Amino acid sequence: MILKNNLLMNSKYFTLCLCIACFMSCNQEMHLEKIEAKRLEINDSLVSVSKIEDFIKPFREHVNSNLDSVLAYSFDTYSKTDGDLNTAIGNLMADAVMEEANPIFESRTGHKIDVVLLNHGGIRAILSKGNITTRTAYEIMPFENSVVVTELKGTHIKEMIAYLQKAKRSHPISGLTIKLDKDYELIEAKINGELIDDNRTYYVATNDYLYSGGDSMDFFQKSDTLHDLDYRIRNVLIDYFTKKDTINPVIDNRFIKTN
């Protein structure tokens, strides 16, 4: 009887071990062969749900009303492709940052912004002739980029100028003037009408994307001092437009190449 019980227990133990071994063996052999997906296209063929539409409608109308509120009037249509080294719309954006951000920065630090540098690619739409609305600002600057101010020595400002020489693009600038010869060699560069002092510290406003090295603007990383104004570029434009009656920016001599 004892022998029979031992045999029965051994048999159960063997069966259990065999099951565990098989299970572990199966797990080791399992692997993912493929993933299948199905595209569900969202288009006009989808049937709207009236209850959802009724719920959303007042919010949509409120948002559209705010976006379509008229802030100013544009004298003409302006595009970022209108000029070689500076454009009217780029000058407008850089000057707007200088005008709107400078009082905030000065109230916090006691210093004034010397230079503004933005990026040509950040201008995402034209400024059309006619009414300028809040929607216009969202179209020109749809990103959440904010104004930051960094401190750069004159030597690093010259690296900035070298970058702009090489880029040969109309990156928006304000407070800085650059004159190049026909071969894009530097003739003269000034900040607020004065030659650049290598040892002086300048306060440069830009956006957080460029400060982080966007568009390969690595010279911003030479500074370890950053003032975040918590002020979106888009809101800068809205505030700037609100204070104006008619917008009429021009291409000027802030960044030029002589013949």
C-alpha atoms as a PDB file:
ATOM      1  CA  MET A   1       0.000   0.000   0.000  1.00  0.00           C
ATOM      2  CA  ILE A   2       2.808   2.381   0.939  1.00  0.00           C
ATOM      3  CA  LEU A   3       4.624   1.470  -2.267  1.00  0.00           C
ATOM      4  CA  LYS A   4       1.481   2.165  -4.296  1.00  0.00           C
ATOM      5  CA  ASN A   5       1.053   5.581  -2.681  1.00  0.00           C
ATOM      6  CA  ASN A   6       4.696   6.442  -3.315  1.00  0.00           C
ATOM      7  CA  LEU A   7       4.351   5.434  -6.940  1.00  0.00           C
ATOM      8  CA  LEU A   8       1.210   7.553  -7.258  1.00  0.00           C
ATOM      9  CA  MET A   9       2.906  10.590  -5.683  1.00  0.00           C
ATOM     10  CA  ASN A  10       5.974  10.155  -7.863  1.00  0.00           C
ATOM     11  CA  SER A  11       3.753   9.883 -10.921  1.00  0.00           C
ATOM     12  CA  LYS A  12       1.953  13.152 -10.022  1.00  0.00           C
ATOM     13  CA  TYR A  13       5.259  14.854  -9.317  1.00  0.00           C
ATOM     14  CA  PHE A  14       6.651  13.689 -12.652  1.00  0.00           C
ATOM     15  CA  THR A  15       3.523  14.892 -14.473  1.00  0.00           C
ATOM     16  CA  LEU A  16       3.753  18.303 -12.787  1.00  0.00           C
ATOM     17  CA  CYS A  17       7.430  18.677 -13.686  1.00  0.00           C
ATOM     18  CA  LEU A  18       6.705  17.635 -17.241  1.00  0.00           C
ATOM     19  CA  CYS A  19       3.935  20.274 -17.532  1.00  0.00           C
ATOM     20  CA  ILE A  20       6.199  22.999 -16.148  1.00  0.00           C
ATOM     21  CA  ALA A  21       8.991  22.000 -18.515  1.00  0.00           C
ATOM     22  CA  CYS A  22       6.628  22.045 -21.477  1.00  0.00           C
ATOM     23  CA  PHE A  23       5.230  25.419 -20.446  1.00  0.00           C
ATOM     24  CA  MET A  24       8.692  26.932 -20.102  1.00  0.00           C
ATOM     25  CA  SER A  25       9.743  25.428 -23.395  1.00  0.00           C
ATOM     26  CA  CYS A  26       6.692  26.910 -25.104  1.00  0.00           C
ATOM     27  CA  ASN A  27       7.400  30.335 -23.615  1.00  0.00           C
ATOM     28  CA  GLN A  28      10.933  30.278 -24.918  1.00  0.00           C
ATOM     29  CA  GLU A  29       9.752  29.570 -28.438  1.00  0.00           C
ATOM     30  CA  MET A  30       7.080  32.299 -28.511  1.00  0.00           C
ATOM     31  CA  HIS A  31       7.920  35.363 -30.578  1.00  0.00           C
ATOM     32  CA  LEU A  32       6.092  38.123 -32.416  1.00  0.00           C
ATOM     33  CA  GLU A  33       5.820  37.442 -36.127  1.00  0.00           C
ATOM     34  CA  LYS A  34       3.804  40.433 -37.337  1.00  0.00           C
ATOM     35  CA  ILE A  35       1.486  43.233 -36.316  1.00  0.00           C
ATOM     36  CA  GLU A  36      -1.613  43.880 -38.328  1.00  0.00           C
ATOM     37  CA  ALA A  37      -3.400  47.241 -38.337  1.00  0.00           C
ATOM     38  CA  LYS A  38      -6.383  48.696 -40.063  1.00  0.00           C
ATOM     39  CA  ARG A  39      -6.637  52.341 -41.076  1.00  0.00           C
ATOM     40  CA  LEU A  40      -9.822  54.056 -39.991  1.00  0.00           C
ATOM     41  CA  GLU A  41     -10.145  57.209 -42.052  1.00  0.00           C
ATOM     42  CA  ILE A  42     -11.919  60.181 -40.528  1.00  0.00           C
ATOM     43  CA  ASN A  43     -13.744  62.067 -43.292  1.00  0.00           C
ATOM     44  CA  ASP A  44     -17.088  63.588 -44.252  1.00  0.00           C
ATOM     45  CA  SER A  45     -18.636  60.153 -44.649  1.00  0.00           C
ATOM     46  CA  LEU A  46     -18.791  59.748 -40.870  1.00  0.00           C
ATOM     47  CA  VAL A  47     -22.236  60.402 -39.508  1.00  0.00           C
ATOM     48  CA  SER A  48     -22.325  63.234 -36.976  1.00  0.00           C
ATOM     49  CA  VAL A  49     -23.973  62.769 -33.628  1.00  0.00           C
ATOM     50  CA  SER A  50     -26.468  65.556 -33.023  1.00  0.00           C
ATOM     51  CA  LYS A  51     -26.038  65.520 -29.240  1.00  0.00           C
ATOM     52  CA  ILE A  52     -22.277  65.984 -29.575  1.00  0.00           C
ATOM     53  CA  GLU A  53     -22.715  68.704 -32.185  1.00  0.00           C
ATOM     54  CA  ASP A  54     -25.202  70.545 -29.987  1.00  0.00           C
ATOM     55  CA  PHE A  55     -22.777  70.365 -27.059  1.00  0.00           C
ATOM     56  CA  ILE A  56     -19.781  71.621 -29.063  1.00  0.00           C
ATOM     57  CA  LYS A  57     -21.575  74.332 -31.063  1.00  0.00           C
ATOM     58  CA  PRO A  58     -21.541  77.148 -28.448  1.00  0.00           C
ATOM     59  CA  PHE A  59     -17.852  76.552 -27.700  1.00  0.00           C
ATOM     60  CA  ARG A  60     -16.990  76.565 -31.417  1.00  0.00           C
ATOM     61  CA  GLU A  61     -18.912  79.783 -31.982  1.00  0.00           C
ATOM     62  CA  HIS A  62     -17.216  81.444 -29.002  1.00  0.00           C
ATOM     63  CA  VAL A  63     -13.726  80.438 -30.208  1.00  0.00           C
ATOM     64  CA  ASN A  64     -14.413  81.561 -33.784  1.00  0.00           C
ATOM     65  CA  SER A  65     -15.800  84.862 -32.527  1.00  0.00           C
ATOM     66  CA  ASN A  66     -12.578  85.535 -30.615  1.00  0.00           C
ATOM     67  CA  LEU A  67     -10.348  84.424 -33.474  1.00  0.00           C
ATOM     68  CA  ASP A  68     -12.182  86.595 -35.991  1.00  0.00           C
ATOM     69  CA  SER A  69     -12.115  89.760 -33.892  1.00  0.00           C
ATOM     70  CA  VAL A  70     -10.385  92.548 -35.853  1.00  0.00           C
ATOM     71  CA  LEU A  71      -7.216  93.937 -34.280  1.00  0.00           C
ATOM     72  CA  ALA A  72      -5.734  96.136 -37.025  1.00  0.00           C
ATOM     73  CA  TYR A  73      -5.525  96.650 -40.785  1.00  0.00           C
ATOM     74  CA  SER A  74      -2.734  95.482 -43.099  1.00  0.00           C
ATOM     75  CA  PHE A  75      -1.808  98.035 -45.763  1.00  0.00           C
ATOM     76  CA  ASP A  76      -0.613  95.329 -48.177  1.00  0.00           C
ATOM     77  CA  THR A  77       0.172  91.596 -48.407  1.00  0.00           C
ATOM     78  CA  TYR A  78       3.534  90.598 -46.937  1.00  0.00           C
ATOM     79  CA  SER A  79       5.416  87.321 -47.328  1.00  0.00           C
ATOM     80  CA  LYS A  80       8.674  85.946 -45.958  1.00  0.00           C
ATOM     81  CA  THR A  81       9.820  85.392 -49.554  1.00  0.00           C
ATOM     82  CA  ASP A  82       9.656  89.093 -50.460  1.00  0.00           C
ATOM     83  CA  GLY A  83      13.295  89.865 -49.663  1.00  0.00           C
ATOM     84  CA  ASP A  84      16.757  88.297 -49.620  1.00  0.00           C
ATOM     85  CA  LEU A  85      18.348  89.228 -46.280  1.00  0.00           C
ATOM     86  CA  ASN A  86      15.439  91.025 -44.637  1.00  0.00           C
ATOM     87  CA  THR A  87      11.708  91.021 -45.289  1.00  0.00           C
ATOM     88  CA  ALA A  88       8.894  93.313 -44.258  1.00  0.00           C
ATOM     89  CA  ILE A  89       7.048  90.618 -42.326  1.00  0.00           C
ATOM     90  CA  GLY A  90      10.267  89.430 -40.670  1.00  0.00           C
ATOM     91  CA  ASN A  91      11.143  92.979 -39.653  1.00  0.00           C
ATOM     92  CA  LEU A  92       7.639  93.379 -38.259  1.00  0.00           C
ATOM     93  CA  MET A  93       7.984  90.261 -36.095  1.00  0.00           C
ATOM     94  CA  ALA A  94      11.421  91.183 -34.754  1.00  0.00           C
ATOM     95  CA  ASP A  95      10.366  94.776 -34.056  1.00  0.00           C
ATOM     96  CA  ALA A  96       7.187  93.538 -32.364  1.00  0.00           C
ATOM     97  CA  VAL A  97       9.234  91.365 -29.992  1.00  0.00           C
ATOM     98  CA  MET A  98      11.536  94.312 -29.264  1.00  0.00           C
ATOM     99  CA  GLU A  99       8.621  96.666 -28.575  1.00  0.00           C
ATOM    100  CA  GLU A 100       6.441  94.313 -26.545  1.00  0.00           C
ATOM    101  CA  ALA A 101       9.038  92.234 -24.660  1.00  0.00           C
ATOM    102  CA  ASN A 102      11.451  95.030 -23.755  1.00  0.00           C
ATOM    103  CA  PRO A 103       9.254  96.696 -21.088  1.00  0.00           C
ATOM    104  CA  ILE A 104       8.721  93.321 -19.398  1.00  0.00           C
ATOM    105  CA  PHE A 105      12.427  92.499 -19.429  1.00  0.00           C
ATOM    106  CA  GLU A 106      13.446  95.961 -18.213  1.00  0.00           C
ATOM    107  CA  SER A 107      10.934  95.897 -15.357  1.00  0.00           C
ATOM    108  CA  ARG A 108      12.369  92.584 -14.141  1.00  0.00           C
ATOM    109  CA  THR A 109      16.081  93.152 -14.662  1.00  0.00           C
ATOM    110  CA  GLY A 110      16.693  96.878 -15.072  1.00  0.00           C
ATOM    111  CA  HIS A 111      18.298  96.167 -18.462  1.00  0.00           C
ATOM    112  CA  LYS A 112      17.083  96.714 -22.013  1.00  0.00           C
ATOM    113  CA  ILE A 113      17.039  94.213 -24.845  1.00  0.00           C
ATOM    114  CA  ASP A 114      19.815  95.043 -27.328  1.00  0.00           C
ATOM    115  CA  VAL A 115      19.083  92.579 -30.120  1.00  0.00           C
ATOM    116  CA  VAL A 116      16.227  90.396 -31.305  1.00  0.00           C
ATOM    117  CA  LEU A 117      16.889  87.344 -33.475  1.00  0.00           C
ATOM    118  CA  LEU A 118      14.134  85.022 -34.684  1.00  0.00           C
ATOM    119  CA  ASN A 119      14.115  82.414 -37.448  1.00  0.00           C
ATOM    120  CA  HIS A 120      12.879  82.724 -41.010  1.00  0.00           C
ATOM    121  CA  GLY A 121      11.233  79.294 -40.864  1.00  0.00           C
ATOM    122  CA  GLY A 122       9.143  80.311 -37.883  1.00  0.00           C
ATOM    123  CA  ILE A 123       6.981  82.547 -40.080  1.00  0.00           C
ATOM    124  CA  ARG A 124       4.268  80.122 -41.175  1.00  0.00           C
ATOM    125  CA  ALA A 125       1.876  82.287 -43.193  1.00  0.00           C
ATOM    126  CA  ILE A 126       1.606  85.517 -45.142  1.00  0.00           C
ATOM    127  CA  LEU A 127       0.116  88.683 -43.716  1.00  0.00           C
ATOM    128  CA  SER A 128      -2.727  89.402 -46.125  1.00  0.00           C
ATOM    129  CA  LYS A 129      -3.951  92.850 -47.104  1.00  0.00           C
ATOM    130  CA  GLY A 130      -7.038  93.813 -45.147  1.00  0.00           C
ATOM    131  CA  ASN A 131      -8.257  93.157 -41.635  1.00  0.00           C
ATOM    132  CA  ILE A 132      -5.823  91.577 -39.191  1.00  0.00           C
ATOM    133  CA  THR A 133      -7.534  89.302 -36.685  1.00  0.00           C
ATOM    134  CA  THR A 134      -6.475  87.144 -33.786  1.00  0.00           C
ATOM    135  CA  ARG A 135      -6.662  84.238 -36.229  1.00  0.00           C
ATOM    136  CA  THR A 136      -3.995  85.993 -38.323  1.00  0.00           C
ATOM    137  CA  ALA A 137      -1.549  85.822 -35.421  1.00  0.00           C
ATOM    138  CA  TYR A 138      -2.270  82.106 -34.958  1.00  0.00           C
ATOM    139  CA  GLU A 139      -1.678  81.480 -38.667  1.00  0.00           C
ATOM    140  CA  ILE A 140       1.628  83.373 -38.748  1.00  0.00           C
ATOM    141  CA  MET A 141       2.862  81.797 -35.508  1.00  0.00           C
ATOM    142  CA  PRO A 142       1.000  78.535 -34.770  1.00  0.00           C
ATOM    143  CA  PHE A 143       3.719  77.235 -32.448  1.00  0.00           C
ATOM    144  CA  GLU A 144       3.919  77.655 -28.677  1.00  0.00           C
ATOM    145  CA  ASN A 145       7.371  79.259 -28.781  1.00  0.00           C
ATOM    146  CA  SER A 146       8.038  81.847 -26.078  1.00  0.00           C
ATOM    147  CA  VAL A 147      10.367  84.828 -25.784  1.00  0.00           C
ATOM    148  CA  VAL A 148      13.572  84.250 -23.860  1.00  0.00           C
ATOM    149  CA  VAL A 149      16.446  86.672 -23.301  1.00  0.00           C
ATOM    150  CA  THR A 150      20.030  85.510 -23.004  1.00  0.00           C
ATOM    151  CA  GLU A 151      23.256  87.343 -22.228  1.00  0.00           C
ATOM    152  CA  LEU A 152      25.999  87.134 -24.847  1.00  0.00           C
ATOM    153  CA  LYS A 153      29.462  88.645 -24.937  1.00  0.00           C
ATOM    154  CA  GLY A 154      30.430  90.678 -27.978  1.00  0.00           C
ATOM    155  CA  THR A 155      32.629  87.822 -29.184  1.00  0.00           C
ATOM    156  CA  HIS A 156      29.594  85.546 -29.284  1.00  0.00           C
ATOM    157  CA  ILE A 157      27.547  88.228 -31.030  1.00  0.00           C
ATOM    158  CA  LYS A 158      30.169  88.075 -33.761  1.00  0.00           C
ATOM    159  CA  GLU A 159      29.589  84.319 -33.996  1.00  0.00           C
ATOM    160  CA  MET A 160      25.920  85.133 -34.502  1.00  0.00           C
ATOM    161  CA  ILE A 161      26.806  87.519 -37.301  1.00  0.00           C
ATOM    162  CA  ALA A 162      29.037  84.891 -38.911  1.00  0.00           C
ATOM    163  CA  TYR A 163      26.098  82.478 -38.776  1.00  0.00           C
ATOM    164  CA  LEU A 164      23.828  84.998 -40.521  1.00  0.00           C
ATOM    165  CA  GLN A 165      26.508  85.631 -43.165  1.00  0.00           C
ATOM    166  CA  LYS A 166      26.729  81.950 -43.926  1.00  0.00           C
ATOM    167  CA  ALA A 167      22.986  81.300 -43.788  1.00  0.00           C
ATOM    168  CA  LYS A 168      22.198  84.063 -46.316  1.00  0.00           C
ATOM    169  CA  ARG A 169      18.563  83.990 -45.182  1.00  0.00           C
ATOM    170  CA  SER A 170      16.241  86.672 -43.965  1.00  0.00           C
ATOM    171  CA  HIS A 171      16.169  85.633 -40.322  1.00  0.00           C
ATOM    172  CA  PRO A 172      14.250  88.436 -38.550  1.00  0.00           C
ATOM    173  CA  ILE A 173      16.504  90.779 -36.571  1.00  0.00           C
ATOM    174  CA  SER A 174      16.023  94.025 -34.674  1.00  0.00           C
ATOM    175  CA  GLY A 175      18.568  96.299 -33.008  1.00  0.00           C
ATOM    176  CA  LEU A 176      21.348  94.788 -35.145  1.00  0.00           C
ATOM    177  CA  THR A 177      22.498  96.096 -38.530  1.00  0.00           C
ATOM    178  CA  ILE A 178      24.737  94.108 -40.864  1.00  0.00           C
ATOM    179  CA  LYS A 179      26.316  95.211 -44.134  1.00  0.00           C
ATOM    180  CA  LEU A 180      27.981  92.672 -46.432  1.00  0.00           C
ATOM    181  CA  ASP A 181      29.879  93.091 -49.698  1.00  0.00           C
ATOM    182  CA  LYS A 182      28.918  91.382 -52.952  1.00  0.00           C
ATOM    183  CA  ASP A 183      30.734  88.205 -51.828  1.00  0.00           C
ATOM    184  CA  TYR A 184      28.892  88.150 -48.487  1.00  0.00           C
ATOM    185  CA  GLU A 185      31.999  89.250 -46.609  1.00  0.00           C
ATOM    186  CA  LEU A 186      31.354  91.463 -43.594  1.00  0.00           C
ATOM    187  CA  ILE A 187      31.801  95.188 -44.100  1.00  0.00           C
ATOM    188  CA  GLU A 188      30.226  96.424 -40.886  1.00  0.00           C
ATOM    189  CA  ALA A 189      27.998  95.313 -38.023  1.00  0.00           C
ATOM    190  CA  LYS A 190      26.514  97.514 -35.318  1.00  0.00           C
ATOM    191  CA  ILE A 191      24.146  97.223 -32.381  1.00  0.00           C
ATOM    192  CA  ASN A 192      21.971 100.274 -31.843  1.00  0.00           C
ATOM    193  CA  GLY A 193      24.289 102.248 -34.111  1.00  0.00           C
ATOM    194  CA  GLU A 194      27.499 101.343 -32.255  1.00  0.00           C
ATOM    195  CA  LEU A 195      30.314  98.983 -33.179  1.00  0.00           C
ATOM    196  CA  ILE A 196      30.296  95.724 -31.253  1.00  0.00           C
ATOM    197  CA  ASP A 197      32.491  95.589 -28.147  1.00  0.00           C
ATOM    198  CA  ASP A 198      33.983  92.101 -27.668  1.00  0.00           C
ATOM    199  CA  ASN A 199      33.963  92.435 -23.869  1.00  0.00           C
ATOM    200  CA  ARG A 200      30.512  93.927 -23.445  1.00  0.00           C
ATOM    201  CA  THR A 201      27.507  91.826 -22.448  1.00  0.00           C
ATOM    202  CA  TYR A 202      24.519  92.183 -24.753  1.00  0.00           C
ATOM    203  CA  TYR A 203      20.953  91.119 -24.044  1.00  0.00           C
ATOM    204  CA  VAL A 204      19.550  89.121 -26.932  1.00  0.00           C
ATOM    205  CA  ALA A 205      15.888  88.168 -27.230  1.00  0.00           C
ATOM    206  CA  THR A 206      15.000  85.058 -29.191  1.00  0.00           C
ATOM    207  CA  ASN A 207      12.613  82.143 -28.840  1.00  0.00           C
ATOM    208  CA  ASP A 208      13.078  79.036 -26.713  1.00  0.00           C
ATOM    209  CA  TYR A 209      13.459  76.817 -29.807  1.00  0.00           C
ATOM    210  CA  LEU A 210      16.455  78.751 -31.100  1.00  0.00           C
ATOM    211  CA  TYR A 211      18.019  79.097 -27.654  1.00  0.00           C
ATOM    212  CA  SER A 212      17.995  75.298 -27.412  1.00  0.00           C
ATOM    213  CA  GLY A 213      20.028  75.048 -30.628  1.00  0.00           C
ATOM    214  CA  GLY A 214      17.235  75.063 -33.199  1.00  0.00           C
ATOM    215  CA  ASP A 215      18.304  75.917 -36.775  1.00  0.00           C
ATOM    216  CA  SER A 216      21.888  75.154 -35.629  1.00  0.00           C
ATOM    217  CA  MET A 217      22.130  78.436 -33.715  1.00  0.00           C
ATOM    218  CA  ASP A 218      24.691  76.967 -31.332  1.00  0.00           C
ATOM    219  CA  PHE A 219      26.097  80.358 -30.319  1.00  0.00           C
ATOM    220  CA  PHE A 220      23.219  80.768 -27.863  1.00  0.00           C
ATOM    221  CA  GLN A 221      24.668  77.889 -25.854  1.00  0.00           C
ATOM    222  CA  LYS A 222      27.716  80.045 -25.054  1.00  0.00           C
ATOM    223  CA  SER A 223      25.604  81.737 -22.382  1.00  0.00           C
ATOM    224  CA  ASP A 224      24.533  80.145 -19.109  1.00  0.00           C
ATOM    225  CA  THR A 225      22.164  82.995 -18.228  1.00  0.00           C
ATOM    226  CA  LEU A 226      18.577  82.772 -19.421  1.00  0.00           C
ATOM    227  CA  HIS A 227      15.588  84.992 -18.707  1.00  0.00           C
ATOM    228  CA  ASP A 228      12.316  83.287 -19.620  1.00  0.00           C
ATOM    229  CA  LEU A 229       9.644  85.946 -20.061  1.00  0.00           C
ATOM    230  CA  ASP A 230       6.805  83.395 -20.285  1.00  0.00           C
ATOM    231  CA  TYR A 231       5.486  85.368 -23.246  1.00  0.00           C
ATOM    232  CA  ARG A 232       4.507  83.497 -26.404  1.00  0.00           C
ATOM    233  CA  ILE A 233       5.550  85.009 -29.740  1.00  0.00           C
ATOM    234  CA  ARG A 234       1.955  84.650 -30.905  1.00  0.00           C
ATOM    235  CA  ASN A 235       0.746  86.743 -27.955  1.00  0.00           C
ATOM    236  CA  VAL A 236       3.425  89.299 -28.772  1.00  0.00           C
ATOM    237  CA  LEU A 237       1.876  89.675 -32.223  1.00  0.00           C
ATOM    238  CA  ILE A 238      -1.646  89.937 -30.832  1.00  0.00           C
ATOM    239  CA  ASP A 239      -0.594  92.645 -28.365  1.00  0.00           C
ATOM    240  CA  TYR A 240       1.365  94.470 -31.079  1.00  0.00           C
ATOM    241  CA  PHE A 241      -1.528  94.409 -33.555  1.00  0.00           C
ATOM    242  CA  THR A 242      -3.986  95.540 -30.899  1.00  0.00           C
ATOM    243  CA  LYS A 243      -2.004  98.739 -30.335  1.00  0.00           C
ATOM    244  CA  LYS A 244      -1.780  99.604 -34.028  1.00  0.00           C
ATOM    245  CA  ASP A 245      -4.325 100.941 -36.457  1.00  0.00           C
ATOM    246  CA  THR A 246      -2.595 100.173 -39.755  1.00  0.00           C
ATOM    247  CA  ILE A 247       0.324  97.782 -40.261  1.00  0.00           C
ATOM    248  CA  ASN A 248       2.743  98.806 -43.002  1.00  0.00           C
ATOM    249  CA  PRO A 249       6.156  97.141 -42.471  1.00  0.00           C
ATOM    250  CA  VAL A 250       8.988  97.666 -44.958  1.00  0.00           C
ATOM    251  CA  ILE A 251      12.192  96.054 -46.178  1.00  0.00           C
ATOM    252  CA  ASP A 252      14.995  98.300 -44.925  1.00  0.00           C
ATOM    253  CA  ASN A 253      18.781  98.445 -44.474  1.00  0.00           C
ATOM    254  CA  ARG A 254      19.135  96.401 -41.278  1.00  0.00           C
ATOM    255  CA  PHE A 255      20.682  93.473 -43.178  1.00  0.00           C
ATOM    256  CA  ILE A 256      21.911  94.184 -46.690  1.00  0.00           C
ATOM    257  CA  LYS A 257      24.437  93.148 -49.318  1.00  0.00           C
ATOM    258  CA  THR A 258      26.082  95.788 -51.482  1.00  0.00           C
ATOM    259  CA  ASN A 259      26.512  95.313 -55.231  1.00  0.00           C
END
